[in-house]
Structures are given as structure tokens and as C-alpha cells.
N, C-alpha and C. Protein backbone atom coordinates (compact mmCIF):
# COMPACT_ATOMS: atom_id res chain seq x y z
N MET A 1 3.55 -2.70 26.53
CA MET A 1 4.55 -2.92 25.51
C MET A 1 4.19 -2.06 24.30
N LYS A 2 5.18 -1.42 23.72
CA LYS A 2 4.96 -0.54 22.59
C LYS A 2 5.45 -1.23 21.32
N PHE A 3 4.65 -1.16 20.26
CA PHE A 3 5.00 -1.78 18.98
C PHE A 3 5.23 -0.72 17.93
N ILE A 4 6.05 -1.05 16.94
CA ILE A 4 6.29 -0.12 15.84
C ILE A 4 5.08 -0.11 14.92
N ASN A 5 4.77 1.03 14.39
CA ASN A 5 3.62 1.21 13.50
C ASN A 5 3.91 0.49 12.17
N PRO A 6 3.06 -0.46 11.77
CA PRO A 6 3.31 -1.18 10.51
C PRO A 6 3.18 -0.31 9.26
N LYS A 7 2.69 0.91 9.41
CA LYS A 7 2.61 1.82 8.27
C LYS A 7 3.98 2.45 7.96
N VAL A 8 4.90 2.36 8.89
CA VAL A 8 6.26 2.85 8.67
C VAL A 8 6.90 1.92 7.64
N ASP A 9 7.52 2.50 6.63
CA ASP A 9 8.06 1.73 5.51
C ASP A 9 8.95 0.58 5.95
N TYR A 10 9.89 0.85 6.82
CA TYR A 10 10.82 -0.19 7.29
C TYR A 10 10.07 -1.32 7.99
N ALA A 11 9.12 -0.95 8.84
CA ALA A 11 8.35 -1.96 9.59
C ALA A 11 7.51 -2.81 8.65
N PHE A 12 6.85 -2.17 7.70
CA PHE A 12 6.01 -2.90 6.74
C PHE A 12 6.84 -3.93 5.98
N LYS A 13 8.00 -3.50 5.50
CA LYS A 13 8.87 -4.41 4.74
C LYS A 13 9.40 -5.54 5.64
N LYS A 14 9.68 -5.24 6.89
CA LYS A 14 10.18 -6.25 7.82
C LYS A 14 9.07 -7.26 8.17
N ILE A 15 7.85 -6.75 8.37
CA ILE A 15 6.72 -7.63 8.74
C ILE A 15 6.32 -8.53 7.59
N PHE A 16 6.25 -8.00 6.38
CA PHE A 16 5.70 -8.76 5.26
C PHE A 16 6.72 -9.17 4.20
N GLY A 17 7.91 -8.58 4.20
CA GLY A 17 8.82 -8.83 3.10
C GLY A 17 10.13 -9.50 3.46
N SER A 18 10.21 -10.13 4.61
CA SER A 18 11.45 -10.80 4.99
C SER A 18 11.24 -12.31 5.05
N GLU A 19 12.32 -13.02 4.88
CA GLU A 19 12.28 -14.49 4.91
C GLU A 19 11.68 -15.01 6.22
N GLN A 20 11.97 -14.33 7.32
CA GLN A 20 11.48 -14.77 8.62
C GLN A 20 9.97 -14.61 8.76
N SER A 21 9.35 -13.82 7.89
CA SER A 21 7.92 -13.55 8.02
C SER A 21 7.09 -14.11 6.87
N LYS A 22 7.62 -15.13 6.20
CA LYS A 22 6.88 -15.72 5.07
C LYS A 22 5.49 -16.21 5.48
N GLU A 23 5.39 -16.83 6.64
CA GLU A 23 4.10 -17.35 7.09
C GLU A 23 3.10 -16.22 7.32
N ILE A 24 3.59 -15.10 7.83
CA ILE A 24 2.72 -13.93 8.03
C ILE A 24 2.23 -13.41 6.68
N LEU A 25 3.13 -13.33 5.71
CA LEU A 25 2.76 -12.86 4.38
C LEU A 25 1.75 -13.82 3.73
N ILE A 26 1.98 -15.11 3.84
CA ILE A 26 1.05 -16.10 3.28
C ILE A 26 -0.33 -15.94 3.91
N SER A 27 -0.39 -15.83 5.23
CA SER A 27 -1.66 -15.65 5.93
C SER A 27 -2.35 -14.35 5.51
N PHE A 28 -1.58 -13.27 5.40
CA PHE A 28 -2.11 -11.97 4.99
C PHE A 28 -2.70 -12.04 3.58
N LEU A 29 -1.95 -12.62 2.64
CA LEU A 29 -2.44 -12.71 1.26
C LEU A 29 -3.68 -13.60 1.16
N ASN A 30 -3.68 -14.71 1.86
CA ASN A 30 -4.86 -15.57 1.85
C ASN A 30 -6.08 -14.85 2.41
N ALA A 31 -5.88 -14.06 3.46
CA ALA A 31 -6.98 -13.31 4.07
C ALA A 31 -7.52 -12.24 3.13
N ILE A 32 -6.63 -11.50 2.49
CA ILE A 32 -7.04 -10.37 1.65
C ILE A 32 -7.52 -10.83 0.27
N ILE A 33 -6.77 -11.69 -0.37
CA ILE A 33 -7.08 -12.06 -1.76
C ILE A 33 -8.10 -13.20 -1.84
N TYR A 34 -7.98 -14.17 -0.93
CA TYR A 34 -8.79 -15.38 -1.04
C TYR A 34 -9.79 -15.53 0.10
N ASP A 35 -10.16 -14.42 0.73
CA ASP A 35 -11.21 -14.40 1.75
C ASP A 35 -10.97 -15.43 2.86
N GLY A 36 -9.73 -15.61 3.24
CA GLY A 36 -9.39 -16.49 4.35
C GLY A 36 -9.15 -17.95 3.98
N GLU A 37 -9.43 -18.33 2.74
CA GLU A 37 -9.17 -19.71 2.34
C GLU A 37 -7.66 -19.91 2.21
N LYS A 38 -7.20 -21.10 2.54
CA LYS A 38 -5.76 -21.37 2.49
C LYS A 38 -5.35 -21.82 1.10
N ILE A 39 -5.43 -20.89 0.14
CA ILE A 39 -5.07 -21.16 -1.25
C ILE A 39 -3.55 -21.15 -1.41
N ILE A 40 -2.93 -20.09 -0.87
CA ILE A 40 -1.47 -19.97 -0.95
C ILE A 40 -0.87 -20.77 0.20
N GLU A 41 -0.05 -21.73 -0.15
CA GLU A 41 0.61 -22.54 0.87
C GLU A 41 2.11 -22.24 0.94
N SER A 42 2.64 -21.71 -0.15
CA SER A 42 4.07 -21.43 -0.20
C SER A 42 4.30 -20.28 -1.18
N LEU A 43 5.38 -19.56 -0.96
CA LEU A 43 5.77 -18.49 -1.87
C LEU A 43 7.24 -18.20 -1.67
N THR A 44 7.78 -17.44 -2.61
CA THR A 44 9.16 -17.01 -2.51
C THR A 44 9.17 -15.48 -2.52
N ILE A 45 9.79 -14.90 -1.52
CA ILE A 45 9.94 -13.45 -1.49
C ILE A 45 11.16 -13.12 -2.34
N VAL A 46 10.96 -12.21 -3.31
CA VAL A 46 12.03 -11.88 -4.24
C VAL A 46 12.42 -10.41 -4.11
N ASN A 47 13.51 -10.05 -4.75
CA ASN A 47 14.01 -8.69 -4.73
C ASN A 47 12.92 -7.72 -5.22
N PRO A 48 12.60 -6.69 -4.43
CA PRO A 48 11.53 -5.76 -4.81
C PRO A 48 11.93 -4.73 -5.87
N PHE A 49 13.17 -4.78 -6.34
CA PHE A 49 13.61 -3.89 -7.41
C PHE A 49 12.86 -4.29 -8.67
N ASN A 50 12.22 -3.33 -9.33
CA ASN A 50 11.37 -3.58 -10.49
C ASN A 50 11.94 -2.79 -11.67
N PRO A 51 13.05 -3.28 -12.26
CA PRO A 51 13.69 -2.50 -13.33
C PRO A 51 12.89 -2.57 -14.62
N GLY A 52 13.17 -1.65 -15.49
CA GLY A 52 12.64 -1.73 -16.84
C GLY A 52 13.61 -2.54 -17.68
N LYS A 53 13.11 -3.38 -18.55
CA LYS A 53 14.00 -4.18 -19.39
C LYS A 53 14.66 -3.31 -20.47
N ILE A 54 14.06 -2.18 -20.73
CA ILE A 54 14.63 -1.22 -21.67
C ILE A 54 15.24 -0.11 -20.83
N ILE A 55 16.45 0.28 -21.15
CA ILE A 55 17.20 1.26 -20.34
C ILE A 55 16.40 2.53 -20.09
N SER A 56 15.59 2.94 -21.04
CA SER A 56 14.87 4.20 -20.90
C SER A 56 13.63 4.10 -19.99
N LEU A 57 13.25 2.89 -19.57
CA LEU A 57 12.09 2.76 -18.67
C LEU A 57 12.46 3.15 -17.25
N LYS A 58 11.52 3.74 -16.58
CA LYS A 58 11.69 4.17 -15.19
C LYS A 58 11.90 2.95 -14.30
N GLU A 59 12.88 3.01 -13.40
CA GLU A 59 13.10 1.96 -12.42
C GLU A 59 12.25 2.24 -11.19
N THR A 60 11.71 1.22 -10.59
CA THR A 60 10.89 1.39 -9.40
C THR A 60 11.26 0.33 -8.36
N TYR A 61 10.98 0.66 -7.11
CA TYR A 61 11.17 -0.28 -6.00
C TYR A 61 9.81 -0.51 -5.36
N LEU A 62 9.48 -1.76 -5.15
CA LEU A 62 8.22 -2.12 -4.52
C LEU A 62 8.47 -2.35 -3.04
N ASP A 63 7.41 -2.34 -2.25
CA ASP A 63 7.59 -2.65 -0.83
C ASP A 63 7.85 -4.15 -0.66
N VAL A 64 7.03 -4.97 -1.30
CA VAL A 64 7.20 -6.42 -1.22
C VAL A 64 6.86 -7.02 -2.58
N LYS A 65 7.65 -7.99 -3.00
CA LYS A 65 7.37 -8.72 -4.24
C LYS A 65 7.57 -10.20 -3.93
N ALA A 66 6.59 -11.00 -4.33
CA ALA A 66 6.66 -12.44 -4.06
C ALA A 66 6.19 -13.20 -5.29
N VAL A 67 6.64 -14.44 -5.40
CA VAL A 67 6.22 -15.33 -6.47
C VAL A 67 5.57 -16.54 -5.80
N LEU A 68 4.34 -16.83 -6.21
CA LEU A 68 3.62 -17.97 -5.65
C LEU A 68 4.07 -19.25 -6.34
N VAL A 69 3.69 -20.38 -5.77
CA VAL A 69 4.10 -21.68 -6.30
C VAL A 69 3.67 -21.85 -7.76
N ASP A 70 2.50 -21.30 -8.12
CA ASP A 70 2.01 -21.44 -9.49
C ASP A 70 2.65 -20.45 -10.46
N GLY A 71 3.61 -19.63 -9.96
CA GLY A 71 4.30 -18.66 -10.81
C GLY A 71 3.68 -17.28 -10.80
N SER A 72 2.52 -17.13 -10.18
CA SER A 72 1.90 -15.81 -10.09
C SER A 72 2.80 -14.85 -9.32
N ILE A 73 2.81 -13.61 -9.77
CA ILE A 73 3.62 -12.57 -9.13
C ILE A 73 2.70 -11.70 -8.29
N VAL A 74 3.09 -11.41 -7.07
CA VAL A 74 2.32 -10.53 -6.20
C VAL A 74 3.21 -9.35 -5.83
N ILE A 75 2.72 -8.14 -6.11
CA ILE A 75 3.43 -6.95 -5.69
C ILE A 75 2.57 -6.23 -4.66
N ILE A 76 3.21 -5.80 -3.58
CA ILE A 76 2.48 -5.17 -2.48
C ILE A 76 3.09 -3.81 -2.22
N GLU A 77 2.22 -2.83 -2.11
CA GLU A 77 2.63 -1.46 -1.82
C GLU A 77 1.84 -0.92 -0.65
N MET A 78 2.51 -0.20 0.24
CA MET A 78 1.87 0.52 1.34
C MET A 78 2.12 1.99 1.09
N GLN A 79 1.06 2.80 1.09
CA GLN A 79 1.20 4.23 0.85
C GLN A 79 0.37 4.97 1.90
N VAL A 80 1.04 5.77 2.71
CA VAL A 80 0.36 6.49 3.77
C VAL A 80 -0.17 7.85 3.29
N ALA A 81 0.65 8.60 2.60
CA ALA A 81 0.28 9.94 2.15
C ALA A 81 -0.22 9.92 0.72
N PRO A 82 -1.30 10.62 0.44
CA PRO A 82 -1.76 10.70 -0.95
C PRO A 82 -0.72 11.40 -1.82
N MET A 83 -0.62 10.97 -3.06
CA MET A 83 0.30 11.61 -3.98
C MET A 83 -0.36 11.69 -5.35
N THR A 84 0.05 12.64 -6.13
CA THR A 84 -0.51 12.85 -7.45
C THR A 84 -0.33 11.59 -8.31
N ALA A 85 -1.39 11.17 -8.93
CA ALA A 85 -1.40 10.06 -9.89
C ALA A 85 -0.92 8.74 -9.28
N PHE A 86 -1.19 8.53 -8.00
CA PHE A 86 -0.76 7.27 -7.37
C PHE A 86 -1.42 6.07 -8.04
N ASN A 87 -2.66 6.21 -8.47
CA ASN A 87 -3.33 5.09 -9.16
C ASN A 87 -2.60 4.72 -10.45
N LYS A 88 -2.01 5.69 -11.11
CA LYS A 88 -1.21 5.40 -12.31
C LYS A 88 0.09 4.69 -11.94
N ARG A 89 0.67 5.04 -10.80
CA ARG A 89 1.88 4.37 -10.33
C ARG A 89 1.59 2.89 -10.06
N VAL A 90 0.44 2.61 -9.45
CA VAL A 90 0.04 1.23 -9.18
C VAL A 90 -0.07 0.45 -10.49
N ALA A 91 -0.75 1.03 -11.47
CA ALA A 91 -0.93 0.37 -12.77
C ALA A 91 0.42 0.18 -13.47
N TYR A 92 1.29 1.17 -13.37
CA TYR A 92 2.61 1.09 -14.00
C TYR A 92 3.44 -0.05 -13.40
N ASN A 93 3.48 -0.10 -12.07
CA ASN A 93 4.26 -1.15 -11.40
C ASN A 93 3.71 -2.54 -11.71
N LEU A 94 2.40 -2.67 -11.75
CA LEU A 94 1.80 -3.97 -12.06
C LEU A 94 2.10 -4.38 -13.49
N SER A 95 1.96 -3.45 -14.41
CA SER A 95 2.21 -3.79 -15.81
C SER A 95 3.68 -4.13 -16.05
N LYS A 96 4.60 -3.47 -15.34
CA LYS A 96 6.02 -3.81 -15.46
C LYS A 96 6.30 -5.20 -14.91
N ALA A 97 5.72 -5.51 -13.76
CA ALA A 97 5.92 -6.84 -13.17
C ALA A 97 5.39 -7.92 -14.10
N TYR A 98 4.29 -7.63 -14.77
CA TYR A 98 3.70 -8.59 -15.70
C TYR A 98 4.55 -8.73 -16.96
N ALA A 99 4.91 -7.61 -17.56
CA ALA A 99 5.63 -7.63 -18.83
C ALA A 99 7.08 -8.10 -18.70
N ASN A 100 7.70 -7.88 -17.55
CA ASN A 100 9.10 -8.28 -17.36
C ASN A 100 9.30 -9.79 -17.29
N GLN A 101 8.23 -10.55 -17.36
CA GLN A 101 8.36 -12.01 -17.30
C GLN A 101 8.93 -12.60 -18.58
N LEU A 102 8.70 -11.95 -19.71
CA LEU A 102 9.11 -12.51 -21.00
C LEU A 102 10.38 -11.86 -21.53
N ASP A 103 11.19 -12.68 -22.14
CA ASP A 103 12.35 -12.18 -22.87
C ASP A 103 12.04 -12.27 -24.37
N LYS A 104 12.83 -11.63 -25.16
CA LYS A 104 12.66 -11.62 -26.60
C LYS A 104 12.55 -13.06 -27.12
N GLY A 105 11.54 -13.29 -27.94
CA GLY A 105 11.33 -14.59 -28.55
C GLY A 105 10.47 -15.55 -27.74
N GLU A 106 10.19 -15.21 -26.48
CA GLU A 106 9.34 -16.10 -25.67
C GLU A 106 7.87 -15.88 -26.01
N ASN A 107 7.07 -16.90 -25.82
CA ASN A 107 5.66 -16.85 -26.20
C ASN A 107 4.76 -16.41 -25.05
N TYR A 108 3.68 -15.76 -25.39
CA TYR A 108 2.75 -15.20 -24.41
C TYR A 108 2.14 -16.23 -23.45
N PRO A 109 1.93 -17.47 -23.85
CA PRO A 109 1.39 -18.43 -22.88
C PRO A 109 2.29 -18.65 -21.65
N LEU A 110 3.54 -18.22 -21.72
CA LEU A 110 4.44 -18.35 -20.58
C LEU A 110 4.15 -17.33 -19.48
N LEU A 111 3.34 -16.32 -19.80
CA LEU A 111 3.02 -15.29 -18.80
C LEU A 111 2.19 -15.88 -17.67
N ASN A 112 2.55 -15.53 -16.45
CA ASN A 112 1.80 -15.90 -15.26
C ASN A 112 0.99 -14.71 -14.79
N PRO A 113 -0.08 -14.95 -14.04
CA PRO A 113 -0.86 -13.82 -13.51
C PRO A 113 0.00 -12.92 -12.62
N ALA A 114 -0.37 -11.66 -12.57
CA ALA A 114 0.28 -10.70 -11.67
C ALA A 114 -0.82 -10.02 -10.85
N ILE A 115 -0.58 -9.92 -9.56
CA ILE A 115 -1.56 -9.36 -8.63
C ILE A 115 -0.92 -8.16 -7.94
N ALA A 116 -1.63 -7.03 -7.92
CA ALA A 116 -1.17 -5.86 -7.18
C ALA A 116 -2.06 -5.70 -5.96
N LEU A 117 -1.45 -5.70 -4.79
CA LEU A 117 -2.16 -5.44 -3.55
C LEU A 117 -1.65 -4.12 -3.02
N THR A 118 -2.52 -3.13 -3.03
CA THR A 118 -2.13 -1.79 -2.62
C THR A 118 -2.90 -1.39 -1.37
N ILE A 119 -2.17 -1.05 -0.33
CA ILE A 119 -2.77 -0.66 0.94
C ILE A 119 -2.51 0.83 1.11
N THR A 120 -3.57 1.59 1.28
CA THR A 120 -3.41 3.03 1.44
C THR A 120 -4.05 3.49 2.74
N ASP A 121 -3.56 4.59 3.24
CA ASP A 121 -4.14 5.22 4.44
C ASP A 121 -5.04 6.37 4.01
N PHE A 122 -5.57 6.28 2.80
CA PHE A 122 -6.46 7.28 2.23
C PHE A 122 -7.34 6.57 1.20
N ILE A 123 -8.39 7.23 0.79
CA ILE A 123 -9.27 6.64 -0.21
C ILE A 123 -8.63 6.83 -1.57
N LEU A 124 -8.36 5.72 -2.23
CA LEU A 124 -7.69 5.75 -3.55
C LEU A 124 -8.70 5.86 -4.67
N PHE A 125 -9.74 5.06 -4.62
CA PHE A 125 -10.75 5.05 -5.69
C PHE A 125 -12.09 5.46 -5.13
């Protein structure tokens, strides 16, 4: 039996970013982030569009974006080919996901943690 390569963008998003695969995503995140402990029991997969709240900010699309029960945001990116300044792209996407939580007048204690999980097929750092 032949399987699709999970490094293919469509396959990665289907495996980890669809409603039908929530349990797979939960298991994957627990394995990677929490060393196999069953910390994450539930999550919501949300739209991976990561707009800027200011019109002039660059819009980005993530591979997978989820919100954990405690409100933490998890953004997941798969990158096969190295690209210039990819580490800056990771930081940019994470900071946007974090900052986009607040609207004008809201207080900083309302911010929830944001986690970036980046999977590369090359050495990033």
C-alpha cells in the first residue's frame, strides 16, 4: 500500500489540520511539546489565516492553527525547502498570533500563551 508523503502541504494540512484528525493533532502535540504526557485533552482547530489587525501588516497563512482549552494558541508550520530568513518568518507569525489576541482597550493579562511548532526538512538553527 502506498501512502502520501506527509511533507506535502496538502497532506500535512489534512493529517493535522482537519476536524477529522483532531485526535492525531492532540497526540502529536502532546508527544512533541509535553514529552508524551497527556496534557492536551481537547483543542479547537481554527482558520489558519493570520491577518494583520492593521491594514499595512503582511497577511500570512499558517499550515495549522489551534486553540487549546486553556486559550493557548498553537501555530504549526511544515517547511521542506530552506528559504531566506525563514527563522524571521517563524518569529513574525508567532508574534502576530500572540498580538492579534487583544483589541484596543483590552488589558495585557488577557493574553494567552502562544506556541510555534515548526517542522523543517533542513537544519534551521
